[in-house]
Amino acid sequence: MHRTLDDYISEVSISVQPIVSHLRTLVHKAFPEIEENIKWNAPSFECGGKNVCSIMAFKKHVNFMFHQGKSLADTNEVLENIGEKSTMKGIKGITKLSDLPDDGILISLIEEAVRISKN
């Protein structure tokens, strides 16, 4: 059976479920046509088959990653590098909803990430 994002959310720690659900909602608010998949055992959001962003839930925290994060403007400086050689940037160690930047900032980043993925 094909595992869905709903399955994923139901399987992660209760303490991080609200964070994963909120990020999912923001991704769909920014780009309603985005495709949801499970890749690398984590939720992945894609546009035209290209990875845009991913959510990785751990026991006590969540990471929200942009696959082409180093190409994002990030004028509010909310993203951190994932690795020296990686194109990814993201928000790591999210333990509660208040750890996230303002919804408007995240939606802008998601919208920009979708635009970049279309190029």
PDB file of N, CA and C in Angstrom:
ATOM      1  N   MET A   1       0.837  -1.190   0.000  1.00  0.00           N
ATOM      2  CA  MET A   1       0.000   0.000   0.000  1.00  0.00           C
ATOM      3  C   MET A   1       0.884   1.256   0.000  1.00  0.00           C
ATOM      4  N   HIS A   2       0.474   2.246  -0.732  1.00  0.00           N
ATOM      5  CA  HIS A   2       1.214   3.497  -0.848  1.00  0.00           C
ATOM      6  C   HIS A   2       1.030   4.337   0.412  1.00  0.00           C
ATOM      7  N   ARG A   3       2.111   4.675   1.056  1.00  0.00           N
ATOM      8  CA  ARG A   3       2.069   5.473   2.285  1.00  0.00           C
ATOM      9  C   ARG A   3       1.805   6.937   1.926  1.00  0.00           C
ATOM     10  N   THR A   4       0.919   7.588   2.665  1.00  0.00           N
ATOM     11  CA  THR A   4       0.550   8.976   2.407  1.00  0.00           C
ATOM     12  C   THR A   4       1.103   9.888   3.502  1.00  0.00           C
ATOM     13  N   LEU A   5       0.983  11.178   3.271  1.00  0.00           N
ATOM     14  CA  LEU A   5       1.400  12.144   4.287  1.00  0.00           C
ATOM     15  C   LEU A   5       0.514  12.040   5.522  1.00  0.00           C
ATOM     16  N   ASP A   6      -0.751  11.722   5.342  1.00  0.00           N
ATOM     17  CA  ASP A   6      -1.634  11.506   6.500  1.00  0.00           C
ATOM     18  C   ASP A   6      -1.110  10.344   7.354  1.00  0.00           C
ATOM     19  N   ASP A   7      -0.666   9.264   6.687  1.00  0.00           N
ATOM     20  CA  ASP A   7      -0.082   8.129   7.409  1.00  0.00           C
ATOM     21  C   ASP A   7       1.146   8.588   8.191  1.00  0.00           C
ATOM     22  N   TYR A   8       1.993   9.355   7.518  1.00  0.00           N
ATOM     23  CA  TYR A   8       3.224   9.841   8.137  1.00  0.00           C
ATOM     24  C   TYR A   8       2.911  10.649   9.395  1.00  0.00           C
ATOM     25  N   ILE A   9       1.978  11.583   9.277  1.00  0.00           N
ATOM     26  CA  ILE A   9       1.622  12.435  10.417  1.00  0.00           C
ATOM     27  C   ILE A   9       1.093  11.594  11.575  1.00  0.00           C
ATOM     28  N   SER A  10       0.291  10.589  11.264  1.00  0.00           N
ATOM     29  CA  SER A  10      -0.274   9.757  12.336  1.00  0.00           C
ATOM     30  C   SER A  10       0.790   8.912  13.030  1.00  0.00           C
ATOM     31  N   GLU A  11       1.924   8.690  12.359  1.00  0.00           N
ATOM     32  CA  GLU A  11       2.977   7.839  12.908  1.00  0.00           C
ATOM     33  C   GLU A  11       4.049   8.602  13.685  1.00  0.00           C
ATOM     34  N   VAL A  12       4.144   9.917  13.492  1.00  0.00           N
ATOM     35  CA  VAL A  12       5.197  10.669  14.198  1.00  0.00           C
ATOM     36  C   VAL A  12       4.756  11.000  15.619  1.00  0.00           C
ATOM     37  N   SER A  13       5.700  11.419  16.398  1.00  0.00           N
ATOM     38  CA  SER A  13       5.452  11.769  17.794  1.00  0.00           C
ATOM     39  C   SER A  13       4.332  12.809  17.904  1.00  0.00           C
ATOM     40  N   ILE A  14       3.468  12.628  18.887  1.00  0.00           N
ATOM     41  CA  ILE A  14       2.346  13.553  19.126  1.00  0.00           C
ATOM     42  C   ILE A  14       2.849  14.993  19.274  1.00  0.00           C
ATOM     43  N   SER A  15       4.012  15.163  19.878  1.00  0.00           N
ATOM     44  CA  SER A  15       4.517  16.510  20.135  1.00  0.00           C
ATOM     45  C   SER A  15       4.876  17.264  18.860  1.00  0.00           C
ATOM     46  N   VAL A  16       5.205  16.556  17.785  1.00  0.00           N
ATOM     47  CA  VAL A  16       5.581  17.245  16.543  1.00  0.00           C
ATOM     48  C   VAL A  16       4.477  17.222  15.481  1.00  0.00           C
ATOM     49  N   GLN A  17       3.411  16.484  15.708  1.00  0.00           N
ATOM     50  CA  GLN A  17       2.315  16.425  14.729  1.00  0.00           C
ATOM     51  C   GLN A  17       1.768  17.804  14.352  1.00  0.00           C
ATOM     52  N   PRO A  18       1.538  18.714  15.322  1.00  0.00           N
ATOM     53  CA  PRO A  18       1.018  20.037  14.944  1.00  0.00           C
ATOM     54  C   PRO A  18       1.977  20.812  14.028  1.00  0.00           C
ATOM     55  N   ILE A  19       3.268  20.625  14.224  1.00  0.00           N
ATOM     56  CA  ILE A  19       4.254  21.326  13.400  1.00  0.00           C
ATOM     57  C   ILE A  19       4.204  20.802  11.972  1.00  0.00           C
ATOM     58  N   VAL A  20       4.205  19.484  11.821  1.00  0.00           N
ATOM     59  CA  VAL A  20       4.148  18.870  10.488  1.00  0.00           C
ATOM     60  C   VAL A  20       2.862  19.275   9.779  1.00  0.00           C
ATOM     61  N   SER A  21       1.743  19.218  10.482  1.00  0.00           N
ATOM     62  CA  SER A  21       0.448  19.593   9.886  1.00  0.00           C
ATOM     63  C   SER A  21       0.441  21.059   9.465  1.00  0.00           C
ATOM     64  N   HIS A  22       0.996  21.929  10.291  1.00  0.00           N
ATOM     65  CA  HIS A  22       1.023  23.357   9.978  1.00  0.00           C
ATOM     66  C   HIS A  22       1.890  23.633   8.744  1.00  0.00           C
ATOM     67  N   LEU A  23       3.057  23.016   8.681  1.00  0.00           N
ATOM     68  CA  LEU A  23       3.930  23.207   7.521  1.00  0.00           C
ATOM     69  C   LEU A  23       3.257  22.699   6.245  1.00  0.00           C
ATOM     70  N   ARG A  24       2.587  21.576   6.344  1.00  0.00           N
ATOM     71  CA  ARG A  24       1.854  21.028   5.191  1.00  0.00           C
ATOM     72  C   ARG A  24       0.801  22.034   4.718  1.00  0.00           C
ATOM     73  N   THR A  25       0.066  22.596   5.651  1.00  0.00           N
ATOM     74  CA  THR A  25      -0.968  23.580   5.313  1.00  0.00           C
ATOM     75  C   THR A  25      -0.353  24.789   4.618  1.00  0.00           C
ATOM     76  N   LEU A  26       0.772  25.271   5.122  1.00  0.00           N
ATOM     77  CA  LEU A  26       1.423  26.440   4.514  1.00  0.00           C
ATOM     78  C   LEU A  26       1.911  26.138   3.100  1.00  0.00           C
ATOM     79  N   VAL A  27       2.453  24.946   2.892  1.00  0.00           N
ATOM     80  CA  VAL A  27       2.916  24.572   1.551  1.00  0.00           C
ATOM     81  C   VAL A  27       1.741  24.607   0.571  1.00  0.00           C
ATOM     82  N   HIS A  28       0.616  24.058   0.976  1.00  0.00           N
ATOM     83  CA  HIS A  28      -0.561  24.040   0.097  1.00  0.00           C
ATOM     84  C   HIS A  28      -1.179  25.423  -0.063  1.00  0.00           C
ATOM     85  N   LYS A  29      -1.061  26.258   0.959  1.00  0.00           N
ATOM     86  CA  LYS A  29      -1.559  27.628   0.853  1.00  0.00           C
ATOM     87  C   LYS A  29      -0.712  28.411  -0.153  1.00  0.00           C
ATOM     88  N   ALA A  30       0.598  28.182  -0.129  1.00  0.00           N
ATOM     89  CA  ALA A  30       1.503  28.874  -1.043  1.00  0.00           C
ATOM     90  C   ALA A  30       1.333  28.396  -2.479  1.00  0.00           C
ATOM     91  N   PHE A  31       1.094  27.102  -2.649  1.00  0.00           N
ATOM     92  CA  PHE A  31       0.966  26.538  -3.995  1.00  0.00           C
ATOM     93  C   PHE A  31       0.016  25.345  -3.941  1.00  0.00           C
ATOM     94  N   PRO A  32      -1.293  25.597  -4.117  1.00  0.00           N
ATOM     95  CA  PRO A  32      -2.288  24.537  -3.965  1.00  0.00           C
ATOM     96  C   PRO A  32      -2.071  23.318  -4.869  1.00  0.00           C
ATOM     97  N   GLU A  33      -1.408  23.494  -6.002  1.00  0.00           N
ATOM     98  CA  GLU A  33      -1.230  22.394  -6.955  1.00  0.00           C
ATOM     99  C   GLU A  33      -0.029  21.512  -6.616  1.00  0.00           C
ATOM    100  N   ILE A  34       0.674  21.794  -5.542  1.00  0.00           N
ATOM    101  CA  ILE A  34       1.884  21.033  -5.200  1.00  0.00           C
ATOM    102  C   ILE A  34       1.550  19.559  -5.001  1.00  0.00           C
ATOM    103  N   GLU A  35       2.472  18.711  -5.371  1.00  0.00           N
ATOM    104  CA  GLU A  35       2.287  17.265  -5.236  1.00  0.00           C
ATOM    105  C   GLU A  35       2.952  16.790  -3.952  1.00  0.00           C
ATOM    106  N   GLU A  36       2.256  15.943  -3.212  1.00  0.00           N
ATOM    107  CA  GLU A  36       2.793  15.355  -1.982  1.00  0.00           C
ATOM    108  C   GLU A  36       3.301  13.950  -2.270  1.00  0.00           C
ATOM    109  N   ASN A  37       4.455  13.621  -1.747  1.00  0.00           N
ATOM    110  CA  ASN A  37       5.005  12.273  -1.852  1.00  0.00           C
ATOM    111  C   ASN A  37       5.750  11.955  -0.570  1.00  0.00           C
ATOM    112  N   ILE A  38       6.048  10.697  -0.389  1.00  0.00           N
ATOM    113  CA  ILE A  38       6.946  10.275   0.678  1.00  0.00           C
ATOM    114  C   ILE A  38       8.224   9.812  -0.014  1.00  0.00           C
ATOM    115  N   LYS A  39       9.322  10.529   0.254  1.00  0.00           N
ATOM    116  CA  LYS A  39      10.634  10.186  -0.299  1.00  0.00           C
ATOM    117  C   LYS A  39      11.620  10.173   0.853  1.00  0.00           C
ATOM    118  N   TRP A  40      12.538   9.247   0.813  1.00  0.00           N
ATOM    119  CA  TRP A  40      13.523   9.139   1.884  1.00  0.00           C
ATOM    120  C   TRP A  40      12.815   9.009   3.246  1.00  0.00           C
ATOM    121  N   ASN A  41      11.658   8.363   3.222  1.00  0.00           N
ATOM    122  CA  ASN A  41      10.848   8.120   4.422  1.00  0.00           C
ATOM    123  C   ASN A  41      10.363   9.410   5.088  1.00  0.00           C
ATOM    124  N   ALA A  42      10.189  10.464   4.287  1.00  0.00           N
ATOM    125  CA  ALA A  42       9.727  11.757   4.814  1.00  0.00           C
ATOM    126  C   ALA A  42       8.863  12.449   3.763  1.00  0.00           C
ATOM    127  N   PRO A  43       7.968  13.340   4.204  1.00  0.00           N
ATOM    128  CA  PRO A  43       7.147  14.082   3.255  1.00  0.00           C
ATOM    129  C   PRO A  43       7.991  14.952   2.328  1.00  0.00           C
ATOM    130  N   SER A  44       7.686  14.866   1.059  1.00  0.00           N
ATOM    131  CA  SER A  44       8.359  15.664   0.042  1.00  0.00           C
ATOM    132  C   SER A  44       7.281  16.355  -0.786  1.00  0.00           C
ATOM    133  N   PHE A  45       7.514  17.608  -1.094  1.00  0.00           N
ATOM    134  CA  PHE A  45       6.576  18.380  -1.903  1.00  0.00           C
ATOM    135  C   PHE A  45       7.254  18.699  -3.219  1.00  0.00           C
ATOM    136  N   GLU A  46       6.554  18.426  -4.325  1.00  0.00           N
ATOM    137  CA  GLU A  46       7.147  18.536  -5.642  1.00  0.00           C
ATOM    138  C   GLU A  46       6.282  19.345  -6.589  1.00  0.00           C
ATOM    139  N   CYS A  47       6.955  19.925  -7.557  1.00  0.00           N
ATOM    140  CA  CYS A  47       6.281  20.661  -8.615  1.00  0.00           C
ATOM    141  C   CYS A  47       6.874  20.174  -9.940  1.00  0.00           C
ATOM    142  N   GLY A  48       6.037  19.586 -10.772  1.00  0.00           N
ATOM    143  CA  GLY A  48       6.516  19.069 -12.043  1.00  0.00           C
ATOM    144  C   GLY A  48       7.598  18.023 -11.894  1.00  0.00           C
ATOM    145  N   GLY A  49       7.519  17.220 -10.843  1.00  0.00           N
ATOM    146  CA  GLY A  49       8.500  16.177 -10.605  1.00  0.00           C
ATOM    147  C   GLY A  49       9.784  16.651  -9.952  1.00  0.00           C
ATOM    148  N   LYS A  50       9.894  17.936  -9.669  1.00  0.00           N
ATOM    149  CA  LYS A  50      11.100  18.471  -9.032  1.00  0.00           C
ATOM    150  C   LYS A  50      10.835  18.724  -7.553  1.00  0.00           C
ATOM    151  N   ASN A  51      11.770  18.315  -6.709  1.00  0.00           N
ATOM    152  CA  ASN A  51      11.645  18.519  -5.265  1.00  0.00           C
ATOM    153  C   ASN A  51      11.685  20.006  -4.928  1.00  0.00           C
ATOM    154  N   VAL A  52      10.721  20.445  -4.143  1.00  0.00           N
ATOM    155  CA  VAL A  52      10.663  21.838  -3.693  1.00  0.00           C
ATOM    156  C   VAL A  52      11.101  21.914  -2.230  1.00  0.00           C
ATOM    157  N   CYS A  53      10.437  21.157  -1.370  1.00  0.00           N
ATOM    158  CA  CYS A  53      10.753  21.175   0.049  1.00  0.00           C
ATOM    159  C   CYS A  53      10.375  19.850   0.684  1.00  0.00           C
ATOM    160  N   SER A  54      10.910  19.621   1.876  1.00  0.00           N
ATOM    161  CA  SER A  54      10.648  18.390   2.618  1.00  0.00           C
ATOM    162  C   SER A  54      10.495  18.697   4.098  1.00  0.00           C
ATOM    163  N   ILE A  55       9.755  17.827   4.757  1.00  0.00           N
ATOM    164  CA  ILE A  55       9.591  17.901   6.205  1.00  0.00           C
ATOM    165  C   ILE A  55      10.186  16.625   6.782  1.00  0.00           C
ATOM    166  N   MET A  56      11.026  16.777   7.777  1.00  0.00           N
ATOM    167  CA  MET A  56      11.598  15.610   8.441  1.00  0.00           C
ATOM    168  C   MET A  56      11.256  15.690   9.923  1.00  0.00           C
ATOM    169  N   ALA A  57      10.421  14.780  10.365  1.00  0.00           N
ATOM    170  CA  ALA A  57      10.004  14.773  11.770  1.00  0.00           C
ATOM    171  C   ALA A  57      10.834  13.756  12.550  1.00  0.00           C
ATOM    172  N   PHE A  58      11.336  14.203  13.672  1.00  0.00           N
ATOM    173  CA  PHE A  58      12.068  13.348  14.581  1.00  0.00           C
ATOM    174  C   PHE A  58      11.252  13.234  15.866  1.00  0.00           C
ATOM    175  N   LYS A  59      11.766  12.560  16.850  1.00  0.00           N
ATOM    176  CA  LYS A  59      11.011  12.328  18.077  1.00  0.00           C
ATOM    177  C   LYS A  59      10.587  13.628  18.761  1.00  0.00           C
ATOM    178  N   LYS A  60      11.512  14.605  18.826  1.00  0.00           N
ATOM    179  CA  LYS A  60      11.224  15.826  19.569  1.00  0.00           C
ATOM    180  C   LYS A  60      11.339  17.108  18.747  1.00  0.00           C
ATOM    181  N   HIS A  61      11.662  16.993  17.459  1.00  0.00           N
ATOM    182  CA  HIS A  61      11.782  18.197  16.636  1.00  0.00           C
ATOM    183  C   HIS A  61      11.500  17.881  15.165  1.00  0.00           C
ATOM    184  N   VAL A  62      11.389  18.961  14.392  1.00  0.00           N
ATOM    185  CA  VAL A  62      11.120  18.864  12.953  1.00  0.00           C
ATOM    186  C   VAL A  62      12.128  19.738  12.220  1.00  0.00           C
ATOM    187  N   ASN A  63      12.547  19.285  11.043  1.00  0.00           N
ATOM    188  CA  ASN A  63      13.345  20.098  10.140  1.00  0.00           C
ATOM    189  C   ASN A  63      12.517  20.350   8.883  1.00  0.00           C
ATOM    190  N   PHE A  64      12.555  21.572   8.383  1.00  0.00           N
ATOM    191  CA  PHE A  64      11.840  21.942   7.158  1.00  0.00           C
ATOM    192  C   PHE A  64      12.890  22.407   6.162  1.00  0.00           C
ATOM    193  N   MET A  65      13.046  21.651   5.084  1.00  0.00           N
ATOM    194  CA  MET A  65      14.146  21.871   4.154  1.00  0.00           C
ATOM    195  C   MET A  65      13.666  22.300   2.765  1.00  0.00           C
ATOM    196  N   PHE A  66      14.407  23.225   2.179  1.00  0.00           N
ATOM    197  CA  PHE A  66      14.189  23.639   0.795  1.00  0.00           C
ATOM    198  C   PHE A  66      15.316  23.045  -0.046  1.00  0.00           C
ATOM    199  N   HIS A  67      14.958  22.285  -1.069  1.00  0.00           N
ATOM    200  CA  HIS A  67      15.952  21.573  -1.870  1.00  0.00           C
ATOM    201  C   HIS A  67      16.882  22.513  -2.626  1.00  0.00           C
ATOM    202  N   GLN A  68      16.389  23.647  -3.073  1.00  0.00           N
ATOM    203  CA  GLN A  68      17.230  24.654  -3.734  1.00  0.00           C
ATOM    204  C   GLN A  68      17.352  25.889  -2.842  1.00  0.00           C
ATOM    205  N   GLY A  69      17.455  25.648  -1.553  1.00  0.00           N
ATOM    206  CA  GLY A  69      17.448  26.714  -0.559  1.00  0.00           C
ATOM    207  C   GLY A  69      18.526  27.773  -0.735  1.00  0.00           C
ATOM    208  N   LYS A  70      19.676  27.378  -1.257  1.00  0.00           N
ATOM    209  CA  LYS A  70      20.754  28.356  -1.436  1.00  0.00           C
ATOM    210  C   LYS A  70      20.437  29.344  -2.554  1.00  0.00           C
ATOM    211  N   SER A  71      19.413  29.052  -3.347  1.00  0.00           N
ATOM    212  CA  SER A  71      18.983  29.970  -4.407  1.00  0.00           C
ATOM    213  C   SER A  71      17.908  30.946  -3.927  1.00  0.00           C
ATOM    214  N   LEU A  72      17.372  30.726  -2.732  1.00  0.00           N
ATOM    215  CA  LEU A  72      16.307  31.587  -2.202  1.00  0.00           C
ATOM    216  C   LEU A  72      16.890  32.891  -1.673  1.00  0.00           C
ATOM    217  N   ALA A  73      16.140  33.974  -1.816  1.00  0.00           N
ATOM    218  CA  ALA A  73      16.597  35.286  -1.342  1.00  0.00           C
ATOM    219  C   ALA A  73      16.766  35.296   0.191  1.00  0.00           C
ATOM    220  N   ASP A  74      15.833  34.724   0.927  1.00  0.00           N
ATOM    221  CA  ASP A  74      15.870  34.642   2.396  1.00  0.00           C
ATOM    222  C   ASP A  74      16.259  35.975   3.044  1.00  0.00           C
ATOM    223  N   THR A  75      15.539  37.021   2.674  1.00  0.00           N
ATOM    224  CA  THR A  75      15.832  38.364   3.196  1.00  0.00           C
ATOM    225  C   THR A  75      15.653  38.463   4.711  1.00  0.00           C
ATOM    226  N   ASN A  76      14.851  37.569   5.290  1.00  0.00           N
ATOM    227  CA  ASN A  76      14.651  37.571   6.747  1.00  0.00           C
ATOM    228  C   ASN A  76      15.662  36.684   7.471  1.00  0.00           C
ATOM    229  N   GLU A  77      16.529  36.042   6.715  1.00  0.00           N
ATOM    230  CA  GLU A  77      17.595  35.198   7.264  1.00  0.00           C
ATOM    231  C   GLU A  77      17.078  34.166   8.262  1.00  0.00           C
ATOM    232  N   VAL A  78      16.090  33.384   7.819  1.00  0.00           N
ATOM    233  CA  VAL A  78      15.524  32.347   8.682  1.00  0.00           C
ATOM    234  C   VAL A  78      16.057  30.958   8.345  1.00  0.00           C
ATOM    235  N   LEU A  79      16.770  30.834   7.221  1.00  0.00           N
ATOM    236  CA  LEU A  79      17.265  29.528   6.776  1.00  0.00           C
ATOM    237  C   LEU A  79      18.740  29.356   7.116  1.00  0.00           C
ATOM    238  N   GLU A  80      19.109  28.111   7.368  1.00  0.00           N
ATOM    239  CA  GLU A  80      20.517  27.808   7.601  1.00  0.00           C
ATOM    240  C   GLU A  80      20.969  26.736   6.612  1.00  0.00           C
ATOM    241  N   ASN A  81      22.255  26.732   6.311  1.00  0.00           N
ATOM    242  CA  ASN A  81      22.809  25.745   5.394  1.00  0.00           C
ATOM    243  C   ASN A  81      22.655  24.354   5.971  1.00  0.00           C
ATOM    244  N   ILE A  82      22.433  23.401   5.091  1.00  0.00           N
ATOM    245  CA  ILE A  82      22.299  22.014   5.509  1.00  0.00           C
ATOM    246  C   ILE A  82      23.645  21.303   5.387  1.00  0.00           C
ATOM    247  N   GLY A  83      24.403  21.701   4.424  1.00  0.00           N
ATOM    248  CA  GLY A  83      25.730  21.123   4.230  1.00  0.00           C
ATOM    249  C   GLY A  83      26.524  22.010   3.293  1.00  0.00           C
ATOM    250  N   GLU A  84      27.839  21.932   3.409  1.00  0.00           N
ATOM    251  CA  GLU A  84      28.695  22.782   2.589  1.00  0.00           C
ATOM    252  C   GLU A  84      28.455  22.590   1.103  1.00  0.00           C
ATOM    253  N   LYS A  85      28.364  21.341   0.684  1.00  0.00           N
ATOM    254  CA  LYS A  85      28.237  21.037  -0.744  1.00  0.00           C
ATOM    255  C   LYS A  85      26.793  20.880  -1.199  1.00  0.00           C
ATOM    256  N   SER A  86      25.863  20.959  -0.289  1.00  0.00           N
ATOM    257  CA  SER A  86      24.451  20.785  -0.605  1.00  0.00           C
ATOM    258  C   SER A  86      23.828  22.104  -1.058  1.00  0.00           C
ATOM    259  N   THR A  87      22.827  22.009  -1.921  1.00  0.00           N
ATOM    260  CA  THR A  87      22.059  23.192  -2.328  1.00  0.00           C
ATOM    261  C   THR A  87      20.933  23.473  -1.338  1.00  0.00           C
ATOM    262  N   MET A  88      20.779  22.603  -0.352  1.00  0.00           N
ATOM    263  CA  MET A  88      19.659  22.720   0.589  1.00  0.00           C
ATOM    264  C   MET A  88      19.937  23.729   1.699  1.00  0.00           C
ATOM    265  N   LYS A  89      18.855  24.392   2.099  1.00  0.00           N
ATOM    266  CA  LYS A  89      18.839  25.237   3.295  1.00  0.00           C
ATOM    267  C   LYS A  89      17.507  24.968   3.980  1.00  0.00           C
ATOM    268  N   GLY A  90      17.439  25.249   5.253  1.00  0.00           N
ATOM    269  CA  GLY A  90      16.190  25.005   5.933  1.00  0.00           C
ATOM    270  C   GLY A  90      16.165  25.544   7.347  1.00  0.00           C
ATOM    271  N   ILE A  91      15.104  25.156   8.022  1.00  0.00           N
ATOM    272  CA  ILE A  91      14.912  25.515   9.427  1.00  0.00           C
ATOM    273  C   ILE A  91      15.015  24.209  10.199  1.00  0.00           C
ATOM    274  N   LYS A  92      15.967  24.141  11.095  1.00  0.00           N
ATOM    275  CA  LYS A  92      16.210  22.907  11.830  1.00  0.00           C
ATOM    276  C   LYS A  92      15.821  23.070  13.297  1.00  0.00           C
ATOM    277  N   GLY A  93      15.504  21.949  13.929  1.00  0.00           N
ATOM    278  CA  GLY A  93      15.268  21.930  15.364  1.00  0.00           C
ATOM    279  C   GLY A  93      13.984  22.605  15.812  1.00  0.00           C
ATOM    280  N   ILE A  94      12.940  22.519  15.014  1.00  0.00           N
ATOM    281  CA  ILE A  94      11.645  23.122  15.364  1.00  0.00           C
ATOM    282  C   ILE A  94      10.971  22.220  16.406  1.00  0.00           C
ATOM    283  N   THR A  95      10.780  22.729  17.616  1.00  0.00           N
ATOM    284  CA  THR A  95      10.169  21.921  18.677  1.00  0.00           C
ATOM    285  C   THR A  95       8.746  22.345  19.009  1.00  0.00           C
ATOM    286  N   LYS A  96       8.389  23.557  18.568  1.00  0.00           N
ATOM    287  CA  LYS A  96       7.021  24.052  18.789  1.00  0.00           C
ATOM    288  C   LYS A  96       6.684  25.045  17.676  1.00  0.00           C
ATOM    289  N   LEU A  97       5.411  25.279  17.464  1.00  0.00           N
ATOM    290  CA  LEU A  97       4.977  26.166  16.379  1.00  0.00           C
ATOM    291  C   LEU A  97       5.587  27.552  16.491  1.00  0.00           C
ATOM    292  N   SER A  98       5.791  28.023  17.712  1.00  0.00           N
ATOM    293  CA  SER A  98       6.341  29.369  17.891  1.00  0.00           C
ATOM    294  C   SER A  98       7.814  29.465  17.477  1.00  0.00           C
ATOM    295  N   ASP A  99       8.456  28.334  17.220  1.00  0.00           N
ATOM    296  CA  ASP A  99       9.829  28.348  16.699  1.00  0.00           C
ATOM    297  C   ASP A  99       9.872  28.755  15.225  1.00  0.00           C
ATOM    298  N   LEU A 100       8.727  28.663  14.559  1.00  0.00           N
ATOM    299  CA  LEU A 100       8.663  28.979  13.134  1.00  0.00           C
ATOM    300  C   LEU A 100       8.587  30.484  12.910  1.00  0.00           C
ATOM    301  N   PRO A 101       9.160  30.947  11.799  1.00  0.00           N
ATOM    302  CA  PRO A 101       8.965  32.355  11.438  1.00  0.00           C
ATOM    303  C   PRO A 101       7.502  32.602  11.095  1.00  0.00           C
ATOM    304  N   ASP A 102       7.150  33.842  10.930  1.00  0.00           N
ATOM    305  CA  ASP A 102       5.796  34.232  10.555  1.00  0.00           C
ATOM    306  C   ASP A 102       5.333  33.456   9.319  1.00  0.00           C
ATOM    307  N   ASP A 103       4.053  33.090   9.302  1.00  0.00           N
ATOM    308  CA  ASP A 103       3.498  32.343   8.167  1.00  0.00           C
ATOM    309  C   ASP A 103       3.766  33.040   6.834  1.00  0.00           C
ATOM    310  N   GLY A 104       3.652  34.356   6.809  1.00  0.00           N
ATOM    311  CA  GLY A 104       3.875  35.108   5.573  1.00  0.00           C
ATOM    312  C   GLY A 104       5.286  34.924   5.039  1.00  0.00           C
ATOM    313  N   ILE A 105       6.258  34.876   5.926  1.00  0.00           N
ATOM    314  CA  ILE A 105       7.656  34.661   5.527  1.00  0.00           C
ATOM    315  C   ILE A 105       7.809  33.269   4.917  1.00  0.00           C
ATOM    316  N   LEU A 106       7.248  32.271   5.571  1.00  0.00           N
ATOM    317  CA  LEU A 106       7.352  30.906   5.055  1.00  0.00           C
ATOM    318  C   LEU A 106       6.626  30.751   3.726  1.00  0.00           C
ATOM    319  N   ILE A 107       5.445  31.333   3.604  1.00  0.00           N
ATOM    320  CA  ILE A 107       4.700  31.245   2.349  1.00  0.00           C
ATOM    321  C   ILE A 107       5.494  31.890   1.215  1.00  0.00           C
ATOM    322  N   SER A 108       6.110  33.033   1.473  1.00  0.00           N
ATOM    323  CA  SER A 108       6.941  33.694   0.451  1.00  0.00           C
ATOM    324  C   SER A 108       8.105  32.802   0.033  1.00  0.00           C
ATOM    325  N   LEU A 109       8.758  32.166   0.999  1.00  0.00           N
ATOM    326  CA  LEU A 109       9.865  31.268   0.681  1.00  0.00           C
ATOM    327  C   LEU A 109       9.395  30.072  -0.146  1.00  0.00           C
ATOM    328  N   ILE A 110       8.253  29.515   0.219  1.00  0.00           N
ATOM    329  CA  ILE A 110       7.703  28.371  -0.525  1.00  0.00           C
ATOM    330  C   ILE A 110       7.352  28.797  -1.947  1.00  0.00           C
ATOM    331  N   GLU A 111       6.708  29.946  -2.090  1.00  0.00           N
ATOM    332  CA  GLU A 111       6.362  30.447  -3.434  1.00  0.00           C
ATOM    333  C   GLU A 111       7.612  30.643  -4.285  1.00  0.00           C
ATOM    334  N   GLU A 112       8.654  31.213  -3.694  1.00  0.00           N
ATOM    335  CA  GLU A 112       9.902  31.417  -4.422  1.00  0.00           C
ATOM    336  C   GLU A 112      10.539  30.076  -4.795  1.00  0.00           C
ATOM    337  N   ALA A 113      10.502  29.126  -3.870  1.00  0.00           N
ATOM    338  CA  ALA A 113      11.067  27.787  -4.137  1.00  0.00           C
ATOM    339  C   ALA A 113      10.336  27.109  -5.293  1.00  0.00           C
ATOM    340  N   VAL A 114       9.016  27.293  -5.363  1.00  0.00           N
ATOM    341  CA  VAL A 114       8.244  26.715  -6.477  1.00  0.00           C
ATOM    342  C   VAL A 114       8.670  27.373  -7.787  1.00  0.00           C
ATOM    343  N   ARG A 115       8.806  28.716  -7.785  1.00  0.00           N
ATOM    344  CA  ARG A 115       9.241  29.405  -9.004  1.00  0.00           C
ATOM    345  C   ARG A 115      10.602  28.906  -9.473  1.00  0.00           C
ATOM    346  N   ILE A 116      11.514  28.762  -8.536  1.00  0.00           N
ATOM    347  CA  ILE A 116      12.861  28.280  -8.879  1.00  0.00           C
ATOM    348  C   ILE A 116      12.794  26.855  -9.452  1.00  0.00           C
ATOM    349  N   SER A 117      11.948  26.023  -8.884  1.00  0.00           N
ATOM    350  CA  SER A 117      11.850  24.635  -9.355  1.00  0.00           C
ATOM    351  C   SER A 117      11.299  24.546 -10.773  1.00  0.00           C
ATOM    352  N   LYS A 118      10.581  25.560 -11.201  1.00  0.00           N
ATOM    353  CA  LYS A 118       9.999  25.566 -12.552  1.00  0.00           C
ATOM    354  C   LYS A 118      11.013  25.997 -13.615  1.00  0.00           C
ATOM    355  N   ASN A 119      12.145  26.525 -13.188  1.00  0.00           N
ATOM    356  CA  ASN A 119      13.172  26.996 -14.162  1.00  0.00           C
ATOM    357  C   ASN A 119      14.082  25.865 -14.578  1.00  0.00           C
TER     358      ASN A 119
END
